[in-house]
Protein backbone atom coordinates (compact mmCIF):
# COMPACT_ATOMS: atom_id res chain seq x y z
CA MET A 1 23.27 1.95 233.70
CA ASN A 2 21.48 4.41 231.43
CA LEU A 3 18.04 4.04 229.83
CA PRO A 4 19.23 2.64 226.46
CA ASN A 5 21.29 -0.02 228.26
CA LYS A 6 18.33 -0.92 230.48
CA ILE A 7 16.19 -1.38 227.36
CA THR A 8 18.87 -3.67 225.90
CA LEU A 9 18.88 -5.75 229.09
CA ILE A 10 15.08 -5.96 229.03
CA ARG A 11 15.31 -7.31 225.47
CA VAL A 12 17.75 -9.99 226.60
CA LEU A 13 15.41 -10.96 229.45
CA MET A 14 12.45 -11.16 227.05
CA ILE A 15 14.19 -13.89 225.02
CA PRO A 16 13.69 -16.75 227.50
CA ALA A 17 10.13 -15.58 228.14
CA PHE A 18 9.44 -15.65 224.39
CA LEU A 19 10.97 -19.12 224.04
CA VAL A 20 9.00 -20.59 226.94
CA VAL A 21 5.73 -19.17 225.63
CA TYR A 22 6.40 -20.17 222.00
CA LEU A 23 7.60 -23.68 222.76
CA ALA A 24 5.11 -24.46 225.54
CA CYS A 25 1.84 -23.12 224.12
CA PRO A 26 -0.33 -24.57 221.37
CA VAL A 27 -0.28 -22.61 218.11
CA ASP A 28 -3.99 -21.77 218.31
CA ALA A 29 -3.94 -20.61 221.93
CA VAL A 30 -3.54 -17.25 223.58
CA GLY A 31 0.11 -18.21 224.01
CA ALA A 32 0.68 -17.83 220.28
CA TRP A 33 -0.42 -14.22 220.48
CA LEU A 34 1.70 -13.70 223.58
CA ALA A 35 4.76 -15.14 221.79
CA LEU A 36 4.12 -12.77 218.88
CA ILE A 37 3.76 -9.79 221.23
CA LEU A 38 6.91 -10.71 223.18
CA PHE A 39 9.03 -11.12 220.07
CA SER A 40 7.64 -8.00 218.37
CA THR A 41 8.19 -5.90 221.48
CA ALA A 42 11.75 -7.18 221.81
CA ALA A 43 12.39 -6.42 218.13
CA ILE A 44 11.09 -2.87 218.57
CA THR A 45 13.42 -2.33 221.53
CA ASP A 46 16.32 -3.14 219.19
CA ALA A 47 15.65 0.04 217.26
CA LEU A 48 14.60 2.03 220.32
CA ASP A 49 17.70 1.55 222.46
CA GLY A 50 20.07 2.57 219.67
CA TYR A 51 17.95 5.59 218.76
CA LEU A 52 17.79 6.75 222.38
CA ALA A 53 21.52 6.20 222.94
CA ARG A 54 22.34 8.40 219.94
CA LYS A 55 19.70 11.04 220.69
CA MET A 56 20.60 11.30 224.39
CA GLY A 57 24.35 11.10 223.77
CA GLN A 58 24.54 7.98 225.93
CA ILE A 59 26.53 5.63 223.73
CA THR A 60 28.53 3.33 225.98
CA ASN A 61 30.94 0.44 225.49
CA PHE A 62 28.36 -1.80 227.16
CA GLY A 63 25.76 -0.71 224.61
CA LYS A 64 28.16 -1.16 221.70
CA LEU A 65 28.76 -4.73 222.82
CA MET A 66 25.37 -5.80 224.13
CA ASP A 67 23.01 -4.20 221.59
CA PRO A 68 24.21 -6.25 218.60
CA LEU A 69 24.56 -9.35 220.78
CA ALA A 70 21.02 -8.97 222.11
CA ASP A 71 19.80 -8.67 218.51
CA LYS A 72 21.65 -11.85 217.52
CA PHE A 73 20.40 -13.69 220.63
CA LEU A 74 16.81 -12.71 219.85
CA VAL A 75 16.83 -13.62 216.16
CA CYS A 76 18.92 -16.78 216.53
CA SER A 77 16.79 -18.03 219.45
CA ALA A 78 13.62 -17.67 217.39
CA LEU A 79 15.20 -19.36 214.38
CA VAL A 80 16.39 -22.33 216.46
CA ALA A 81 12.95 -22.60 218.08
CA PHE A 82 11.46 -22.75 214.59
CA VAL A 83 13.69 -25.71 213.76
CA ALA A 84 12.48 -27.43 216.92
CA THR A 85 8.84 -26.96 215.89
CA GLY A 86 9.36 -27.69 212.19
CA ALA A 87 8.50 -24.15 211.09
CA LEU A 88 11.87 -23.78 209.29
CA PRO A 89 14.34 -26.34 207.95
CA ALA A 90 17.56 -26.77 209.92
CA TRP A 91 19.80 -26.16 206.88
CA ALA A 92 18.29 -22.68 206.34
CA VAL A 93 18.76 -21.72 209.96
CA ILE A 94 22.34 -23.05 209.94
CA VAL A 95 23.17 -20.78 206.99
CA MET A 96 21.65 -17.74 208.70
CA ILE A 97 23.28 -18.40 212.07
CA SER A 98 26.65 -19.29 210.52
CA ARG A 99 26.70 -15.84 208.94
CA GLU A 100 26.22 -14.29 212.40
CA PHE A 101 29.15 -16.25 213.84
CA TYR A 102 31.32 -15.37 210.86
CA ILE A 103 30.60 -11.63 211.06
CA SER A 104 31.10 -11.66 214.84
CA GLY A 105 34.51 -13.27 214.31
CA LEU A 106 35.37 -10.76 211.60
CA ARG A 107 34.38 -7.91 213.92
CA GLN A 108 36.62 -9.35 216.64
CA LEU A 109 39.57 -9.56 214.23
CA ALA A 110 38.95 -5.99 213.14
CA LEU A 111 38.70 -4.82 216.74
CA GLU A 112 42.07 -6.40 217.52
CA GLN A 113 43.43 -4.25 214.67
CA ASN A 114 41.73 -1.12 216.09
CA THR A 115 39.13 -1.14 213.32
CA VAL A 116 35.40 -0.98 213.90
CA LEU A 117 33.12 -2.69 211.39
CA ALA A 118 29.95 -0.64 211.25
CA ALA A 119 26.69 -2.30 210.27
CA THR A 120 26.08 -1.94 206.55
CA THR A 121 22.78 -1.08 204.90
CA GLY A 122 22.65 -4.65 203.60
CA ALA A 123 23.15 -6.03 207.10
CA LYS A 124 20.36 -3.85 208.43
CA PHE A 125 18.09 -5.08 205.62
CA LYS A 126 19.04 -8.66 206.51
CA THR A 127 18.01 -8.12 210.10
CA VAL A 128 14.73 -6.50 209.10
CA ILE A 129 13.83 -9.30 206.68
CA GLN A 130 14.68 -11.92 209.32
CA ILE A 131 12.44 -10.15 211.83
CA VAL A 132 9.65 -9.99 209.25
CA LEU A 133 10.11 -13.73 208.59
CA ILE A 134 9.96 -14.51 212.31
CA ILE A 135 6.90 -12.33 212.90
CA TYR A 136 5.14 -13.88 209.90
CA ILE A 137 5.81 -17.39 211.22
CA LEU A 138 4.51 -16.34 214.64
CA LEU A 139 1.22 -15.02 213.27
CA PRO A 140 -1.45 -17.33 214.70
CA PHE A 141 -3.69 -16.89 211.66
CA ARG A 142 -1.01 -17.34 208.98
CA GLN A 143 -2.29 -20.83 208.13
CA ILE A 144 -5.06 -19.15 206.14
CA VAL A 145 -2.47 -17.19 204.18
CA PHE A 146 -0.32 -18.81 201.52
CA GLU A 147 2.66 -20.70 202.94
CA PRO A 148 4.80 -19.70 199.93
CA VAL A 149 5.25 -16.39 201.77
CA VAL A 150 7.33 -18.21 204.41
CA LEU A 151 9.42 -19.81 201.66
CA ALA A 152 9.95 -16.47 199.91
CA LEU A 153 10.94 -14.70 203.14
CA MET A 154 13.26 -17.58 204.04
CA ILE A 155 14.97 -17.43 200.63
CA VAL A 156 15.41 -13.65 200.87
CA SER A 157 16.79 -14.04 204.43
CA ILE A 158 19.28 -16.67 203.29
CA ALA A 159 20.32 -14.62 200.27
CA ALA A 160 20.77 -11.51 202.43
CA SER A 161 22.82 -13.53 204.93
CA VAL A 162 25.15 -14.88 202.25
CA LEU A 163 25.43 -11.63 200.29
CA THR A 164 26.18 -9.53 203.37
CA ALA A 165 28.83 -12.04 204.48
CA VAL A 166 30.46 -11.73 201.06
CA ASP A 167 30.15 -7.92 201.20
CA TYR A 168 31.81 -7.73 204.64
CA THR A 169 34.56 -10.08 203.44
CA VAL A 170 35.33 -8.10 200.28
CA LYS A 171 35.28 -4.78 202.11
CA ASN A 172 37.53 -6.09 204.87
CA LEU A 173 40.11 -8.23 203.09
CA GLY A 174 42.83 -6.25 204.85
CA VAL A 175 41.51 -7.38 208.21
CA LEU A 176 41.55 -11.01 207.10
CA ARG A 177 45.11 -10.79 205.72
CA GLN A 178 46.67 -9.66 208.98
């Protein structure tokens, strides 16, 4: 178990802590700040573990599997929690999470054909915009800022989800035909 893999596991363990704090604490309490700090720290570890694995030459099969899964667990958990608290509409979250299931299935099909689907620039942008959306929603003082920002970030997140799903599909039609 190398350092990048330990960081990935720490991110996975931070998810339930984030959810408990976010769902159990009032929005205007210290818990709101703690939820923001937990999520932000977990999001930073997403970039850190991959960077360290590449820099230290410690890329492992465990890391290849768990790093993207940990990212999906983190983002999807926050999105579902936002549905529970009314911060985001269920239909928007269903679109974003459906894309994750679809791409995971496509990756599995490709893997069975000895093909690896690398993350695209668009997919990386999608993840970043979703993390920005989540962090913005978690900001305890965002009520004083215009709520149209949440709507704009949500629309961009949905568009990025749909467009990257289409992009992966077009680029991997051969995988789907087999």
